[in-house]
Amino acid sequence: MSVSRQVIKKVFAVETAEGAGALVRRSIGSMGLRNLTPFLMLDHFHISKGAGFPDHPHRGQATVTYMLEGESRHEDSAGHAGLIKAGGVQWMCAGRGIIHAEMPAQAPNGQEPRGLQLWVDLPAKYKMVEPSYQELDPEGIPSAYPDGPDGPQIKVISGKSHGVESPVRPLGGCWYFHNIFKKKGTVFQDIPAGWTTFIYTLKGSISIGTQPEKYEQYYTLVLSSNSNETGISVTALEDDTEFVLVAGEPLDQEVVQYGPFVMTSKEEIQKTFIDYRMGLNGFEKAHTWKSKIGGL
């Protein structure tokens, strides 16, 4: 029997300035929703021409960049560079350390870059792995159509939905779906028992399970995780409704974060500062590498 999770907390993502002139709506990682293991941060970003996120480091987490509109360029100290197109995803495992830049690109249709960036904590055993990337262009992300071609589309960015599985393989359990409803309707998504789950509303309005409350765009909804709940039922209350549904395996470990460095103890963070300052253990190019795109 399918039993739906329910909303236990809602947070409205207020738009604020971030980076070099970018605008973000932050929910996870804000004062209203500080801890939601394994998730560290969720930003709904808008990057104008001349803005962006110039050269900066990471250690200990994965960053997931999913483009909704426009295009974004990226470049890093390991020699990796590319373009994330609208509808595409970049799943970067920072591991032991990397320096990178994320800057807007001029899309063929002139759209400014808008998208979502999710930070996912890495299990302690993966904190110091070599950095790696998994990238999919829009056509590489598979879709599920549980009610046929005229029903809702579920873009399977990672994980499994209605018999469709993404090729992305995160370090740690994480499912990520973009749900697109052209018309009103309801979908039930199975979720592994005990996983942390949230929804972020992009367009239109939705209701959850048997709860009557209506949720409009820019809300992050944290869902319950009771042992008898097998998944989540979401109803699109109007045409042209979109939301992302994300679930992750909770981590039984401390979160000690200083900006883009996320470890499990103060000692590890202090060691990270030393590594970064001295150019060691993943940060060998911290003081010599400069991106080509960061100064554009």
Protein backbone atom coordinates (compact mmCIF):
# COMPACT_ATOMS: atom_id res chain seq x y z
CA MET A 1 0.00 0.00 0.00
CA SER A 2 1.29 3.46 -0.92
CA VAL A 3 1.43 5.81 2.07
CA SER A 4 2.51 9.40 1.47
CA ARG A 5 4.86 11.50 3.51
CA GLN A 6 3.58 14.85 4.74
CA VAL A 7 5.03 18.35 5.05
CA ILE A 8 6.62 18.99 8.46
CA LYS A 9 8.37 22.29 7.68
CA LYS A 10 8.19 24.94 4.99
CA VAL A 11 10.73 27.66 4.21
CA PHE A 12 10.28 30.50 1.72
CA ALA A 13 13.47 31.17 -0.26
CA VAL A 14 14.08 34.93 -0.20
CA GLU A 15 16.19 36.38 -3.02
CA THR A 16 19.55 37.83 -1.89
CA ALA A 17 22.88 38.82 -3.46
CA GLU A 18 25.66 36.21 -3.60
CA GLY A 19 29.01 35.80 -5.34
CA ALA A 20 29.98 38.57 -7.77
CA GLY A 21 26.61 40.17 -8.47
CA ALA A 22 24.54 36.97 -8.69
CA LEU A 23 21.11 36.66 -7.08
CA VAL A 24 20.10 33.53 -5.17
CA ARG A 25 17.08 32.22 -3.33
CA ARG A 26 18.60 30.12 -0.53
CA SER A 27 16.50 27.81 1.61
CA ILE A 28 18.67 24.93 2.86
CA GLY A 29 21.67 26.55 4.52
CA SER A 30 19.69 29.63 5.58
CA MET A 31 18.80 30.59 9.14
CA GLY A 32 15.35 29.05 8.61
CA LEU A 33 16.70 25.64 7.58
CA ARG A 34 20.26 25.16 8.72
CA ASN A 35 20.58 21.37 9.00
CA LEU A 36 18.98 18.75 6.74
CA THR A 37 21.46 15.88 6.43
CA PRO A 38 22.90 15.03 3.95
CA PHE A 39 21.98 18.33 2.31
CA LEU A 40 24.03 21.43 3.12
CA MET A 41 22.67 24.13 0.82
CA LEU A 42 20.09 24.77 -1.90
CA ASP A 43 20.37 27.90 -4.05
CA HIS A 44 17.98 28.92 -6.82
CA PHE A 45 20.31 31.25 -8.70
CA HIS A 46 20.06 33.94 -11.36
CA ILE A 47 23.30 35.15 -12.95
CA SER A 48 23.30 38.34 -15.00
CA LYS A 49 25.96 39.32 -17.51
CA GLY A 50 29.13 40.32 -15.68
CA ALA A 51 28.09 38.44 -12.53
CA GLY A 52 28.89 34.91 -11.41
CA PHE A 53 31.07 32.87 -9.08
CA PRO A 54 34.78 33.48 -9.82
CA ASP A 55 37.63 31.20 -8.63
CA HIS A 56 36.87 29.59 -5.26
CA PRO A 57 37.79 26.32 -3.47
CA HIS A 58 35.80 23.32 -2.21
CA ARG A 59 36.55 20.31 -0.05
CA GLY A 60 34.38 17.56 1.46
CA GLN A 61 31.12 17.91 -0.46
CA ALA A 62 29.45 17.38 -3.83
CA THR A 63 27.97 20.32 -5.71
CA VAL A 64 25.07 19.60 -8.08
CA THR A 65 24.33 22.30 -10.65
CA TYR A 66 21.11 21.86 -12.63
CA MET A 67 20.39 24.51 -15.27
CA LEU A 68 16.77 25.59 -15.75
CA GLU A 69 17.41 28.35 -18.30
CA GLY A 70 20.42 29.74 -20.12
CA GLU A 71 23.93 28.31 -19.95
CA SER A 72 26.84 28.39 -17.50
CA ARG A 73 30.56 27.81 -18.03
CA HIS A 74 32.81 26.08 -15.54
CA GLU A 75 36.56 25.62 -15.24
CA ASP A 76 38.74 24.06 -12.52
CA SER A 77 42.29 23.58 -11.30
CA ALA A 78 42.34 19.94 -12.44
CA GLY A 79 42.05 21.01 -16.08
CA HIS A 80 38.34 20.32 -16.45
CA ALA A 81 36.20 22.87 -18.34
CA GLY A 82 32.88 22.87 -20.11
CA LEU A 83 29.39 24.25 -20.60
CA ILE A 84 26.23 23.32 -18.72
CA LYS A 85 23.24 23.82 -21.02
CA ALA A 86 19.63 24.48 -20.03
CA GLY A 87 18.20 21.17 -18.82
CA GLY A 88 21.68 19.72 -18.16
CA VAL A 89 23.40 18.81 -14.92
CA GLN A 90 26.91 18.80 -13.48
CA TRP A 91 27.54 16.58 -10.45
CA MET A 92 30.92 17.59 -9.04
CA CYS A 93 32.53 15.63 -6.21
CA ALA A 94 35.02 18.09 -4.68
CA GLY A 95 36.57 15.39 -2.49
CA ARG A 96 40.01 16.35 -1.10
CA GLY A 97 40.09 19.69 -2.84
CA ILE A 98 39.57 21.68 -6.01
CA ILE A 99 39.48 25.31 -7.17
CA HIS A 100 36.88 26.23 -9.77
CA ALA A 101 34.89 29.04 -11.35
CA GLU A 102 31.26 29.16 -12.50
CA MET A 103 30.34 32.00 -14.83
CA PRO A 104 27.43 32.81 -17.17
CA ALA A 105 27.58 32.01 -20.88
CA GLN A 106 25.73 33.71 -23.72
CA ALA A 107 22.91 31.29 -24.61
CA PRO A 108 21.77 31.10 -28.25
CA ASN A 109 18.29 32.31 -27.24
CA GLY A 110 19.67 35.13 -25.08
CA GLN A 111 18.35 33.71 -21.79
CA GLU A 112 20.29 34.57 -18.65
CA PRO A 113 21.44 31.58 -16.58
CA ARG A 114 18.96 30.38 -13.96
CA GLY A 115 19.25 27.12 -12.13
CA LEU A 116 19.62 25.21 -8.89
CA GLN A 117 22.78 24.40 -7.00
CA LEU A 118 22.58 21.75 -4.30
CA TRP A 119 25.43 20.96 -1.91
CA VAL A 120 25.45 17.38 -0.66
CA ASP A 121 27.65 16.30 2.24
CA LEU A 122 30.00 13.43 1.44
CA PRO A 123 30.16 10.39 3.73
CA ALA A 124 33.29 10.62 5.91
CA LYS A 125 35.02 7.82 4.00
CA TYR A 126 34.77 9.83 0.76
CA LYS A 127 35.86 13.24 2.10
CA MET A 128 39.41 12.90 0.75
CA VAL A 129 38.81 11.11 -2.55
CA GLU A 130 40.12 12.57 -5.80
CA PRO A 131 37.74 15.16 -7.35
CA SER A 132 35.46 13.86 -10.09
CA TYR A 133 32.69 14.99 -12.41
CA GLN A 134 29.54 13.45 -13.82
CA GLU A 135 27.89 15.61 -16.47
CA LEU A 136 24.79 15.11 -18.59
CA ASP A 137 23.51 17.29 -21.41
CA PRO A 138 19.70 17.71 -21.53
CA GLU A 139 19.30 14.76 -23.89
CA GLY A 140 21.34 12.57 -21.54
CA ILE A 141 18.92 12.91 -18.62
CA PRO A 142 16.26 10.17 -18.94
CA SER A 143 12.58 10.88 -18.26
CA ALA A 144 9.74 8.82 -16.80
CA TYR A 145 6.13 9.27 -17.90
CA PRO A 146 4.08 7.35 -15.29
CA ASP A 147 0.75 8.30 -16.89
CA GLY A 148 1.86 8.16 -20.52
CA PRO A 149 3.07 10.94 -22.84
CA ASP A 150 0.15 13.25 -21.97
CA GLY A 151 0.82 13.08 -18.23
CA PRO A 152 3.57 14.52 -16.05
CA GLN A 153 7.22 14.24 -17.07
CA ILE A 154 9.77 13.26 -14.43
CA LYS A 155 13.37 14.07 -15.37
CA VAL A 156 15.50 11.53 -13.50
CA ILE A 157 18.65 13.52 -12.68
CA SER A 158 19.79 10.82 -10.25
CA GLY A 159 18.15 7.75 -8.75
CA LYS A 160 15.12 5.78 -9.95
CA SER A 161 11.57 6.78 -10.83
CA HIS A 162 8.83 4.58 -12.29
CA GLY A 163 11.26 2.11 -13.84
CA VAL A 164 13.64 4.76 -15.22
CA GLU A 165 17.16 5.09 -13.77
CA SER A 166 19.73 7.87 -14.17
CA PRO A 167 23.33 7.05 -15.18
CA VAL A 168 24.61 9.42 -12.45
CA ARG A 169 26.24 7.53 -9.56
CA PRO A 170 26.65 9.77 -6.47
CA LEU A 171 28.98 8.89 -3.60
CA GLY A 172 26.22 8.35 -1.03
CA GLY A 173 22.51 7.88 -1.62
CA CYS A 174 20.82 10.78 -3.42
CA TRP A 175 17.79 10.86 -5.72
CA TYR A 176 16.96 14.04 -7.66
CA PHE A 177 13.87 14.51 -9.88
CA HIS A 178 12.49 17.45 -11.87
CA ASN A 179 8.72 17.07 -12.16
CA ILE A 180 6.96 18.91 -14.99
CA PHE A 181 3.15 19.05 -15.21
CA LYS A 182 1.64 20.60 -18.34
CA LYS A 183 -1.79 19.88 -16.86
CA LYS A 184 -3.15 19.34 -13.35
CA GLY A 185 -2.52 15.87 -11.97
CA THR A 186 -1.08 13.70 -9.22
CA VAL A 187 2.06 11.58 -9.07
CA PHE A 188 3.32 9.17 -6.40
CA GLN A 189 7.07 8.76 -6.04
CA ASP A 190 8.55 5.87 -4.07
CA ILE A 191 11.32 6.93 -1.66
CA PRO A 192 13.69 4.64 0.32
CA ALA A 193 12.64 4.29 3.95
CA GLY A 194 14.35 6.67 6.34
CA TRP A 195 15.73 9.02 3.70
CA THR A 196 15.59 12.80 4.14
CA THR A 197 13.25 14.26 1.51
CA PHE A 198 12.33 17.76 0.36
CA ILE A 199 10.52 19.51 -2.48
CA TYR A 200 11.34 22.91 -3.98
CA THR A 201 8.53 24.58 -5.94
CA LEU A 202 9.53 26.25 -9.21
CA LYS A 203 6.22 27.12 -10.93
CA GLY A 204 2.52 26.83 -10.26
CA SER A 205 1.23 25.32 -7.02
CA ILE A 206 1.04 21.91 -5.36
CA SER A 207 -0.44 20.01 -2.43
CA ILE A 208 1.16 17.08 -0.59
CA GLY A 209 -0.48 13.80 0.40
CA THR A 210 -3.79 14.31 2.17
CA GLN A 211 -2.88 17.78 3.47
CA PRO A 212 -5.14 20.55 2.10
CA GLU A 213 -2.52 23.33 2.18
CA LYS A 214 -1.50 24.89 -1.14
CA TYR A 215 2.19 25.64 -1.75
CA GLU A 216 3.23 28.12 -4.42
CA GLN A 217 6.64 28.81 -6.00
CA TYR A 218 9.91 29.35 -4.12
CA TYR A 219 9.02 27.19 -1.11
CA THR A 220 11.20 24.37 0.21
CA LEU A 221 9.04 21.72 1.85
CA VAL A 222 10.67 19.27 4.26
CA LEU A 223 8.81 15.96 4.38
CA SER A 224 8.19 13.47 7.17
CA SER A 225 10.06 10.17 7.40
CA ASN A 226 7.86 7.74 9.31
CA SER A 227 8.45 3.99 9.03
CA ASN A 228 5.06 3.32 7.37
CA GLU A 229 5.49 5.99 4.65
CA THR A 230 6.54 4.48 1.32
CA GLY A 231 6.91 7.64 -0.75
CA ILE A 232 5.34 10.98 -1.56
CA SER A 233 2.10 11.93 -3.33
CA VAL A 234 2.20 15.35 -5.02
CA THR A 235 -0.74 17.02 -6.75
CA ALA A 236 -0.27 19.84 -9.25
CA LEU A 237 -3.16 22.22 -8.54
CA GLU A 238 -2.81 24.16 -11.79
CA ASP A 239 -1.44 23.73 -15.29
CA ASP A 240 2.26 24.43 -15.96
CA THR A 241 3.44 23.38 -12.51
CA GLU A 242 7.07 22.39 -11.86
CA PHE A 243 9.02 21.30 -8.78
CA VAL A 244 12.10 19.33 -7.85
CA LEU A 245 11.91 16.39 -5.46
CA VAL A 246 15.17 15.39 -3.75
CA ALA A 247 15.86 12.58 -1.29
CA GLY A 248 19.10 11.53 0.38
CA GLU A 249 20.41 8.99 2.84
CA PRO A 250 21.05 10.71 6.19
CA LEU A 251 24.64 10.70 7.44
CA ASP A 252 25.44 9.84 11.05
CA GLN A 253 28.39 12.22 11.29
CA GLU A 254 29.21 15.71 12.48
CA VAL A 255 29.00 18.61 10.04
CA VAL A 256 31.72 21.19 10.59
CA GLN A 257 31.54 23.78 7.82
CA TYR A 258 33.54 26.87 7.07
CA GLY A 259 32.29 28.36 3.79
CA PRO A 260 33.12 25.90 0.98
CA PHE A 261 34.98 23.50 3.30
CA VAL A 262 32.86 20.76 4.92
CA MET A 263 34.45 18.18 7.21
CA THR A 264 33.49 16.19 10.32
CA SER A 265 35.61 17.87 13.02
CA LYS A 266 37.25 21.19 13.88
CA GLU A 267 40.63 19.48 13.57
CA GLU A 268 39.86 18.47 9.98
CA ILE A 269 38.79 22.03 9.15
CA GLN A 270 42.01 23.38 10.67
CA LYS A 271 43.95 20.87 8.57
CA THR A 272 42.02 22.07 5.50
CA PHE A 273 43.06 25.68 6.22
CA ILE A 274 46.68 24.58 6.44
CA ASP A 275 46.43 22.52 3.24
CA TYR A 276 44.87 25.44 1.38
CA ARG A 277 47.39 27.97 2.69
CA MET A 278 50.36 25.69 2.01
CA GLY A 279 49.09 24.28 -1.30
CA LEU A 280 48.88 20.66 -0.17
CA ASN A 281 46.63 17.58 -0.41
CA GLY A 282 44.42 18.67 -3.30
CA PHE A 283 45.19 22.38 -3.17
CA GLU A 284 48.56 22.25 -4.92
CA LYS A 285 47.42 24.89 -7.43
CA ALA A 286 45.53 27.06 -4.93
CA HIS A 287 47.90 30.04 -5.32
CA THR A 288 49.07 29.59 -8.90
CA TRP A 289 45.98 28.58 -10.91
CA LYS A 290 43.71 31.23 -12.37
CA SER A 291 40.69 30.40 -14.49
CA LYS A 292 40.22 31.92 -17.92
CA ILE A 293 36.53 32.57 -17.30
CA GLY A 294 36.71 34.02 -13.75
CA GLY A 295 37.82 37.44 -14.89
CA LEU A 296 35.45 37.77 -17.85
